All heavy atoms as atom14 arrays in JSON, in Angstrom:
{
  "sequence": "TYTNTVVPEAKGRSAQILQAAEGYRSQTVAEATGQTSRFDQ",
  "atom14_mask": [
    [1, 1, 1, 1, 1, 1, 1, 0, 0, 0, 0, 0, 0, 0],
    [1, 1, 1, 1, 1, 1, 1, 1, 1, 1, 1, 1, 0, 0],
    [1, 1, 1, 1, 1, 1, 1, 0, 0, 0, 0, 0, 0, 0],
    [1, 1, 1, 1, 1, 1, 1, 1, 0, 0, 0, 0, 0, 0],
    [1, 1, 1, 1, 1, 1, 1, 0, 0, 0, 0, 0, 0, 0],
    [1, 1, 1, 1, 1, 1, 1, 0, 0, 0, 0, 0, 0, 0],
    [1, 1, 1, 1, 1, 1, 1, 0, 0, 0, 0, 0, 0, 0],
    [1, 1, 1, 1, 1, 1, 1, 0, 0, 0, 0, 0, 0, 0],
    [1, 1, 1, 1, 1, 1, 1, 1, 1, 0, 0, 0, 0, 0],
    [1, 1, 1, 1, 1, 0, 0, 0, 0, 0, 0, 0, 0, 0],
    [1, 1, 1, 1, 1, 1, 1, 1, 1, 0, 0, 0, 0, 0],
    [1, 1, 1, 1, 0, 0, 0, 0, 0, 0, 0, 0, 0, 0],
    [1, 1, 1, 1, 1, 1, 1, 1, 1, 1, 1, 0, 0, 0],
    [1, 1, 1, 1, 1, 1, 0, 0, 0, 0, 0, 0, 0, 0],
    [1, 1, 1, 1, 1, 0, 0, 0, 0, 0, 0, 0, 0, 0],
    [1, 1, 1, 1, 1, 1, 1, 1, 1, 0, 0, 0, 0, 0],
    [1, 1, 1, 1, 1, 1, 1, 1, 0, 0, 0, 0, 0, 0],
    [1, 1, 1, 1, 1, 1, 1, 1, 0, 0, 0, 0, 0, 0],
    [1, 1, 1, 1, 1, 1, 1, 1, 1, 0, 0, 0, 0, 0],
    [1, 1, 1, 1, 1, 0, 0, 0, 0, 0, 0, 0, 0, 0],
    [1, 1, 1, 1, 1, 0, 0, 0, 0, 0, 0, 0, 0, 0],
    [1, 1, 1, 1, 1, 1, 1, 1, 1, 0, 0, 0, 0, 0],
    [1, 1, 1, 1, 0, 0, 0, 0, 0, 0, 0, 0, 0, 0],
    [1, 1, 1, 1, 1, 1, 1, 1, 1, 1, 1, 1, 0, 0],
    [1, 1, 1, 1, 1, 1, 1, 1, 1, 1, 1, 0, 0, 0],
    [1, 1, 1, 1, 1, 1, 0, 0, 0, 0, 0, 0, 0, 0],
    [1, 1, 1, 1, 1, 1, 1, 1, 1, 0, 0, 0, 0, 0],
    [1, 1, 1, 1, 1, 1, 1, 0, 0, 0, 0, 0, 0, 0],
    [1, 1, 1, 1, 1, 1, 1, 0, 0, 0, 0, 0, 0, 0],
    [1, 1, 1, 1, 1, 0, 0, 0, 0, 0, 0, 0, 0, 0],
    [1, 1, 1, 1, 1, 1, 1, 1, 1, 0, 0, 0, 0, 0],
    [1, 1, 1, 1, 1, 0, 0, 0, 0, 0, 0, 0, 0, 0],
    [1, 1, 1, 1, 1, 1, 1, 0, 0, 0, 0, 0, 0, 0],
    [1, 1, 1, 1, 0, 0, 0, 0, 0, 0, 0, 0, 0, 0],
    [1, 1, 1, 1, 1, 1, 1, 1, 1, 0, 0, 0, 0, 0],
    [1, 1, 1, 1, 1, 1, 1, 0, 0, 0, 0, 0, 0, 0],
    [1, 1, 1, 1, 1, 1, 0, 0, 0, 0, 0, 0, 0, 0],
    [1, 1, 1, 1, 1, 1, 1, 1, 1, 1, 1, 0, 0, 0],
    [1, 1, 1, 1, 1, 1, 1, 1, 1, 1, 1, 0, 0, 0],
    [1, 1, 1, 1, 1, 1, 1, 1, 0, 0, 0, 0, 0, 0],
    [1, 1, 1, 1, 1, 1, 1, 1, 1, 0, 0, 0, 0, 0]
  ],
  "atom14_positions": [
    [[174.75, -34.41, 153.42], [175.6, -34.58, 152.24], [175.27, -35.87, 151.5], [175.21, -35.9, 150.26], [177.08, -34.59, 152.68], [177.37, -33.36, 153.35], [178.01, -34.74, 151.49], [0.0, 0.0, 0.0], [0.0, 0.0, 0.0], [0.0, 0.0, 0.0], [0.0, 0.0, 0.0], [0.0, 0.0, 0.0], [0.0, 0.0, 0.0], [0.0, 0.0, 0.0]],
    [[175.07, -36.96, 152.25], [174.69, -38.23, 151.61], [173.35, -38.11, 150.89], [173.19, -38.6, 149.76], [174.62, -39.32, 152.67], [174.22, -40.67, 152.13], [175.12, -41.45, 151.4], [172.93, -41.16, 152.33], [174.73, -42.68, 150.89], [172.54, -42.39, 151.83], [173.44, -43.15, 151.11], [173.06, -44.36, 150.6], [0.0, 0.0, 0.0], [0.0, 0.0, 0.0]],
    [[172.41, -37.43, 151.54], [171.1, -37.23, 150.89], [171.25, -36.42, 149.61], [170.64, -36.75, 148.57], [170.15, -36.52, 151.87], [170.01, -37.3, 153.04], [168.79, -36.3, 151.23], [0.0, 0.0, 0.0], [0.0, 0.0, 0.0], [0.0, 0.0, 0.0], [0.0, 0.0, 0.0], [0.0, 0.0, 0.0], [0.0, 0.0, 0.0], [0.0, 0.0, 0.0]],
    [[172.06, -35.37, 149.67], [172.24, -34.55, 148.47], [172.95, -35.3, 147.35], [172.84, -34.9, 146.18], [173.05, -33.3, 148.84], [172.31, -32.39, 149.8], [171.08, -32.4, 149.87], [173.05, -31.6, 150.56], [0.0, 0.0, 0.0], [0.0, 0.0, 0.0], [0.0, 0.0, 0.0], [0.0, 0.0, 0.0], [0.0, 0.0, 0.0], [0.0, 0.0, 0.0]],
    [[173.66, -36.39, 147.68], [174.34, -37.16, 146.65], [173.44, -38.26, 146.09], [173.38, -38.48, 144.87], [175.63, -37.78, 147.23], [176.46, -36.74, 147.74], [176.38, -38.56, 146.17], [0.0, 0.0, 0.0], [0.0, 0.0, 0.0], [0.0, 0.0, 0.0], [0.0, 0.0, 0.0], [0.0, 0.0, 0.0], [0.0, 0.0, 0.0], [0.0, 0.0, 0.0]],
    [[172.74, -38.99, 146.98], [171.96, -40.15, 146.54], [170.68, -39.74, 145.84], [170.31, -40.3, 144.79], [171.66, -41.05, 147.76], [170.71, -42.17, 147.37], [172.95, -41.63, 148.3], [0.0, 0.0, 0.0], [0.0, 0.0, 0.0], [0.0, 0.0, 0.0], [0.0, 0.0, 0.0], [0.0, 0.0, 0.0], [0.0, 0.0, 0.0], [0.0, 0.0, 0.0]],
    [[169.97, -38.77, 146.38], [168.67, -38.4, 145.81], [168.81, -37.9, 144.37], [168.06, -38.34, 143.49], [167.99, -37.35, 146.72], [166.75, -36.79, 146.05], [167.63, -37.98, 148.05], [0.0, 0.0, 0.0], [0.0, 0.0, 0.0], [0.0, 0.0, 0.0], [0.0, 0.0, 0.0], [0.0, 0.0, 0.0], [0.0, 0.0, 0.0], [0.0, 0.0, 0.0]],
    [[169.75, -37.0, 144.04], [169.87, -36.6, 142.63], [170.23, -37.75, 141.7], [169.74, -37.82, 140.57], [170.98, -35.54, 142.66], [170.95, -35.0, 144.04], [170.61, -36.16, 144.9], [0.0, 0.0, 0.0], [0.0, 0.0, 0.0], [0.0, 0.0, 0.0], [0.0, 0.0, 0.0], [0.0, 0.0, 0.0], [0.0, 0.0, 0.0], [0.0, 0.0, 0.0]],
    [[171.09, -38.69, 142.19], [171.42, -39.84, 141.34], [170.19, -40.7, 141.09], [169.95, -41.16, 139.95], [172.51, -40.67, 142.0], [173.86, -39.97, 142.05], [174.93, -40.83, 142.71], [174.56, -41.92, 143.2], [176.11, -40.41, 142.74], [0.0, 0.0, 0.0], [0.0, 0.0, 0.0], [0.0, 0.0, 0.0], [0.0, 0.0, 0.0], [0.0, 0.0, 0.0]],
    [[169.39, -40.96, 142.13], [168.17, -41.75, 141.95], [167.19, -41.04, 141.03], [166.57, -41.68, 140.16], [167.53, -42.01, 143.31], [0.0, 0.0, 0.0], [0.0, 0.0, 0.0], [0.0, 0.0, 0.0], [0.0, 0.0, 0.0], [0.0, 0.0, 0.0], [0.0, 0.0, 0.0], [0.0, 0.0, 0.0], [0.0, 0.0, 0.0], [0.0, 0.0, 0.0]],
    [[167.06, -39.75, 141.19], [166.17, -39.0, 140.28], [166.67, -39.05, 138.84], [165.88, -39.15, 137.9], [166.06, -37.56, 140.75], [165.29, -37.38, 142.06], [165.17, -35.92, 142.45], [164.38, -35.75, 143.74], [164.27, -34.32, 144.14], [0.0, 0.0, 0.0], [0.0, 0.0, 0.0], [0.0, 0.0, 0.0], [0.0, 0.0, 0.0], [0.0, 0.0, 0.0]],
    [[168.0, -39.0, 138.67], [168.54, -39.08, 137.31], [168.29, -40.44, 136.68], [167.9, -40.52, 135.5], [0.0, 0.0, 0.0], [0.0, 0.0, 0.0], [0.0, 0.0, 0.0], [0.0, 0.0, 0.0], [0.0, 0.0, 0.0], [0.0, 0.0, 0.0], [0.0, 0.0, 0.0], [0.0, 0.0, 0.0], [0.0, 0.0, 0.0], [0.0, 0.0, 0.0]],
    [[168.5, -41.53, 137.45], [168.22, -42.86, 136.9], [166.73, -43.03, 136.6], [166.35, -43.63, 135.57], [168.68, -43.92, 137.89], [170.2, -44.03, 138.01], [170.61, -45.32, 138.69], [170.1, -45.39, 140.05], [170.76, -44.96, 141.12], [171.97, -44.43, 140.97], [170.24, -45.07, 142.33], [0.0, 0.0, 0.0], [0.0, 0.0, 0.0], [0.0, 0.0, 0.0]],
    [[165.89, -42.53, 137.48], [164.45, -42.61, 137.24], [164.06, -41.87, 135.97], [163.28, -42.38, 135.14], [163.69, -42.06, 138.44], [162.3, -42.02, 138.19], [0.0, 0.0, 0.0], [0.0, 0.0, 0.0], [0.0, 0.0, 0.0], [0.0, 0.0, 0.0], [0.0, 0.0, 0.0], [0.0, 0.0, 0.0], [0.0, 0.0, 0.0], [0.0, 0.0, 0.0]],
    [[164.61, -40.67, 135.8], [164.29, -39.92, 134.58], [164.81, -40.64, 133.33], [164.15, -40.65, 132.27], [164.9, -38.53, 134.68], [0.0, 0.0, 0.0], [0.0, 0.0, 0.0], [0.0, 0.0, 0.0], [0.0, 0.0, 0.0], [0.0, 0.0, 0.0], [0.0, 0.0, 0.0], [0.0, 0.0, 0.0], [0.0, 0.0, 0.0], [0.0, 0.0, 0.0]],
    [[165.99, -41.29, 133.44], [166.53, -42.02, 132.3], [165.64, -43.19, 131.92], [165.36, -43.43, 130.73], [167.94, -42.51, 132.64], [168.63, -43.25, 131.51], [170.01, -43.73, 131.9], [170.42, -43.55, 133.05], [170.71, -44.34, 130.97], [0.0, 0.0, 0.0], [0.0, 0.0, 0.0], [0.0, 0.0, 0.0], [0.0, 0.0, 0.0], [0.0, 0.0, 0.0]],
    [[165.18, -43.94, 132.94], [164.28, -45.07, 132.66], [162.98, -44.6, 132.03], [162.46, -45.19, 131.07], [164.04, -45.86, 133.96], [165.34, -46.51, 134.44], [162.96, -46.91, 133.75], [165.23, -47.17, 135.79], [0.0, 0.0, 0.0], [0.0, 0.0, 0.0], [0.0, 0.0, 0.0], [0.0, 0.0, 0.0], [0.0, 0.0, 0.0], [0.0, 0.0, 0.0]],
    [[162.43, -43.52, 132.57], [161.18, -43.0, 132.01], [161.36, -42.54, 130.57], [160.49, -42.79, 129.7], [160.67, -41.84, 132.88], [160.17, -42.21, 134.28], [159.79, -40.96, 135.06], [158.98, -43.16, 134.19], [0.0, 0.0, 0.0], [0.0, 0.0, 0.0], [0.0, 0.0, 0.0], [0.0, 0.0, 0.0], [0.0, 0.0, 0.0], [0.0, 0.0, 0.0]],
    [[162.48, -41.88, 130.29], [162.71, -41.44, 128.91], [162.91, -42.61, 127.96], [162.42, -42.59, 126.82], [163.93, -40.52, 128.88], [163.71, -39.18, 129.57], [164.95, -38.33, 129.58], [165.99, -38.74, 129.09], [164.84, -37.14, 130.16], [0.0, 0.0, 0.0], [0.0, 0.0, 0.0], [0.0, 0.0, 0.0], [0.0, 0.0, 0.0], [0.0, 0.0, 0.0]],
    [[163.62, -43.68, 128.42], [163.79, -44.86, 127.58], [162.45, -45.54, 127.3], [162.17, -45.97, 126.17], [164.76, -45.83, 128.25], [0.0, 0.0, 0.0], [0.0, 0.0, 0.0], [0.0, 0.0, 0.0], [0.0, 0.0, 0.0], [0.0, 0.0, 0.0], [0.0, 0.0, 0.0], [0.0, 0.0, 0.0], [0.0, 0.0, 0.0], [0.0, 0.0, 0.0]],
    [[161.62, -45.65, 128.36], [160.3, -46.27, 128.16], [159.44, -45.42, 127.23], [158.71, -45.96, 126.37], [159.61, -46.43, 129.52], [0.0, 0.0, 0.0], [0.0, 0.0, 0.0], [0.0, 0.0, 0.0], [0.0, 0.0, 0.0], [0.0, 0.0, 0.0], [0.0, 0.0, 0.0], [0.0, 0.0, 0.0], [0.0, 0.0, 0.0], [0.0, 0.0, 0.0]],
    [[159.52, -44.13, 127.38], [158.75, -43.26, 126.49], [159.21, -43.41, 125.04], [158.38, -43.45, 124.11], [158.9, -41.8, 126.95], [158.04, -40.81, 126.19], [156.56, -41.0, 126.42], [156.19, -41.55, 127.47], [155.76, -40.6, 125.53], [0.0, 0.0, 0.0], [0.0, 0.0, 0.0], [0.0, 0.0, 0.0], [0.0, 0.0, 0.0], [0.0, 0.0, 0.0]],
    [[160.55, -43.5, 124.86], [161.06, -43.7, 123.5], [160.63, -45.04, 122.91], [160.26, -45.12, 121.72], [0.0, 0.0, 0.0], [0.0, 0.0, 0.0], [0.0, 0.0, 0.0], [0.0, 0.0, 0.0], [0.0, 0.0, 0.0], [0.0, 0.0, 0.0], [0.0, 0.0, 0.0], [0.0, 0.0, 0.0], [0.0, 0.0, 0.0], [0.0, 0.0, 0.0]],
    [[160.7, -46.11, 123.74], [160.27, -47.42, 123.25], [158.78, -47.41, 122.9], [158.36, -47.98, 121.9], [160.57, -48.48, 124.31], [160.08, -49.85, 123.94], [160.75, -50.63, 122.99], [158.94, -50.38, 124.54], [160.29, -51.89, 122.64], [158.48, -51.64, 124.2], [159.15, -52.4, 123.25], [158.7, -53.64, 122.91], [0.0, 0.0, 0.0], [0.0, 0.0, 0.0]],
    [[157.98, -46.79, 123.74], [156.55, -46.73, 123.46], [156.28, -45.99, 122.15], [155.5, -46.44, 121.3], [155.82, -46.03, 124.61], [154.3, -45.95, 124.44], [153.68, -45.19, 125.59], [154.04, -43.8, 125.54], [153.37, -42.87, 124.8], [152.33, -43.24, 124.07], [153.77, -41.62, 124.81], [0.0, 0.0, 0.0], [0.0, 0.0, 0.0], [0.0, 0.0, 0.0]],
    [[156.95, -44.85, 121.97], [156.73, -44.09, 120.74], [157.17, -44.89, 119.52], [156.49, -44.88, 118.47], [157.51, -42.77, 120.82], [157.08, -42.0, 121.92], [0.0, 0.0, 0.0], [0.0, 0.0, 0.0], [0.0, 0.0, 0.0], [0.0, 0.0, 0.0], [0.0, 0.0, 0.0], [0.0, 0.0, 0.0], [0.0, 0.0, 0.0], [0.0, 0.0, 0.0]],
    [[158.32, -45.61, 119.64], [158.8, -46.4, 118.52], [157.84, -47.53, 118.17], [157.52, -47.78, 117.0], [160.18, -46.95, 118.85], [160.78, -47.81, 117.73], [162.12, -48.38, 118.12], [162.61, -48.12, 119.21], [162.7, -49.19, 117.24], [0.0, 0.0, 0.0], [0.0, 0.0, 0.0], [0.0, 0.0, 0.0], [0.0, 0.0, 0.0], [0.0, 0.0, 0.0]],
    [[157.37, -48.25, 119.23], [156.45, -49.37, 119.0], [155.14, -48.91, 118.37], [154.61, -49.52, 117.42], [156.18, -50.09, 120.33], [157.42, -50.51, 120.9], [155.29, -51.31, 120.12], [0.0, 0.0, 0.0], [0.0, 0.0, 0.0], [0.0, 0.0, 0.0], [0.0, 0.0, 0.0], [0.0, 0.0, 0.0], [0.0, 0.0, 0.0], [0.0, 0.0, 0.0]],
    [[154.6, -47.82, 118.9], [153.34, -47.3, 118.35], [153.53, -46.86, 116.9], [152.66, -47.11, 116.02], [152.84, -46.14, 119.22], [151.66, -45.43, 118.56], [152.42, -46.65, 120.6], [0.0, 0.0, 0.0], [0.0, 0.0, 0.0], [0.0, 0.0, 0.0], [0.0, 0.0, 0.0], [0.0, 0.0, 0.0], [0.0, 0.0, 0.0], [0.0, 0.0, 0.0]],
    [[154.68, -46.21, 116.62], [154.91, -45.77, 115.24], [155.06, -46.95, 114.29], [154.51, -46.94, 113.17], [156.17, -44.9, 115.2], [0.0, 0.0, 0.0], [0.0, 0.0, 0.0], [0.0, 0.0, 0.0], [0.0, 0.0, 0.0], [0.0, 0.0, 0.0], [0.0, 0.0, 0.0], [0.0, 0.0, 0.0], [0.0, 0.0, 0.0], [0.0, 0.0, 0.0]],
    [[155.78, -48.01, 114.74], [155.92, -49.19, 113.88], [154.57, -49.87, 113.66], [154.24, -50.3, 112.54], [156.91, -50.17, 114.51], [158.35, -49.67, 114.47], [159.3, -50.64, 115.14], [158.8, -51.63, 115.72], [160.52, -50.41, 115.11], [0.0, 0.0, 0.0], [0.0, 0.0, 0.0], [0.0, 0.0, 0.0], [0.0, 0.0, 0.0], [0.0, 0.0, 0.0]],
    [[153.8, -50.02, 114.73], [152.48, -50.65, 114.58], [151.57, -49.83, 113.65], [150.84, -50.39, 112.8], [151.83, -50.81, 115.95], [0.0, 0.0, 0.0], [0.0, 0.0, 0.0], [0.0, 0.0, 0.0], [0.0, 0.0, 0.0], [0.0, 0.0, 0.0], [0.0, 0.0, 0.0], [0.0, 0.0, 0.0], [0.0, 0.0, 0.0], [0.0, 0.0, 0.0]],
    [[151.66, -48.51, 113.81], [150.84, -47.64, 112.94], [151.27, -47.8, 111.47], [150.43, -47.86, 110.56], [150.97, -46.19, 113.39], [150.57, -46.08, 114.76], [150.1, -45.28, 112.55], [0.0, 0.0, 0.0], [0.0, 0.0, 0.0], [0.0, 0.0, 0.0], [0.0, 0.0, 0.0], [0.0, 0.0, 0.0], [0.0, 0.0, 0.0], [0.0, 0.0, 0.0]],
    [[152.6, -47.86, 111.26], [153.09, -48.02, 109.88], [152.69, -49.36, 109.29], [152.29, -49.45, 108.11], [0.0, 0.0, 0.0], [0.0, 0.0, 0.0], [0.0, 0.0, 0.0], [0.0, 0.0, 0.0], [0.0, 0.0, 0.0], [0.0, 0.0, 0.0], [0.0, 0.0, 0.0], [0.0, 0.0, 0.0], [0.0, 0.0, 0.0], [0.0, 0.0, 0.0]],
    [[152.79, -50.46, 110.07], [152.4, -51.77, 109.58], [150.9, -51.83, 109.28], [150.46, -52.44, 108.29], [152.78, -52.84, 110.6], [154.29, -53.03, 110.74], [154.65, -54.02, 111.82], [153.75, -54.6, 112.45], [155.96, -54.22, 112.02], [0.0, 0.0, 0.0], [0.0, 0.0, 0.0], [0.0, 0.0, 0.0], [0.0, 0.0, 0.0], [0.0, 0.0, 0.0]],
    [[150.14, -51.21, 110.15], [148.69, -51.18, 109.91], [148.36, -50.45, 108.61], [147.52, -50.9, 107.8], [147.98, -50.51, 111.09], [148.3, -51.22, 112.29], [146.48, -50.49, 110.89], [0.0, 0.0, 0.0], [0.0, 0.0, 0.0], [0.0, 0.0, 0.0], [0.0, 0.0, 0.0], [0.0, 0.0, 0.0], [0.0, 0.0, 0.0], [0.0, 0.0, 0.0]],
    [[149.03, -49.3, 108.42], [148.78, -48.55, 107.19], [149.21, -49.34, 105.94], [148.51, -49.37, 104.93], [149.53, -47.22, 107.26], [149.39, -46.5, 106.04], [0.0, 0.0, 0.0], [0.0, 0.0, 0.0], [0.0, 0.0, 0.0], [0.0, 0.0, 0.0], [0.0, 0.0, 0.0], [0.0, 0.0, 0.0], [0.0, 0.0, 0.0], [0.0, 0.0, 0.0]],
    [[150.35, -50.05, 106.05], [150.81, -50.86, 104.92], [149.85, -52.0, 104.63], [149.54, -52.3, 103.47], [152.2, -51.4, 105.25], [152.8, -52.29, 104.18], [154.24, -52.66, 104.56], [154.79, -53.59, 103.61], [154.65, -54.93, 103.68], [153.98, -55.45, 104.72], [155.19, -55.73, 102.78], [0.0, 0.0, 0.0], [0.0, 0.0, 0.0], [0.0, 0.0, 0.0]],
    [[149.37, -52.67, 105.71], [148.41, -53.75, 105.51], [147.13, -53.25, 104.84], [146.57, -53.91, 103.95], [148.1, -54.41, 106.86], [147.14, -55.55, 106.76], [147.56, -56.82, 106.37], [145.79, -55.35, 107.05], [146.65, -57.86, 106.26], [144.89, -56.41, 106.94], [145.33, -57.66, 106.54], [0.0, 0.0, 0.0], [0.0, 0.0, 0.0], [0.0, 0.0, 0.0]],
    [[146.66, -52.09, 105.28], [145.44, -51.54, 104.66], [145.66, -51.25, 103.18], [144.77, -51.51, 102.34], [145.02, -50.28, 105.4], [144.53, -50.58, 106.82], [144.14, -51.74, 107.07], [144.56, -49.65, 107.67], [0.0, 0.0, 0.0], [0.0, 0.0, 0.0], [0.0, 0.0, 0.0], [0.0, 0.0, 0.0], [0.0, 0.0, 0.0], [0.0, 0.0, 0.0]],
    [[146.81, -50.74, 102.82], [147.09, -50.44, 101.42], [147.18, -51.73, 100.58], [146.64, -51.8, 99.45], [148.39, -49.65, 101.31], [148.3, -48.25, 101.91], [149.63, -47.52, 101.85], [150.59, -48.05, 101.31], [149.67, -46.32, 102.42], [0.0, 0.0, 0.0], [0.0, 0.0, 0.0], [0.0, 0.0, 0.0], [0.0, 0.0, 0.0], [0.0, 0.0, 0.0]]
  ]
}
């Protein structure tokens, strides 16, 4: 019972961290791409 409770919570937190990092990466890359395009123009 303890395993069934702790493991799903840990997996949920891990997935949340991965999704936040993925969102931050996408945002940073998009901003850098936009700034680069603006500088070129």
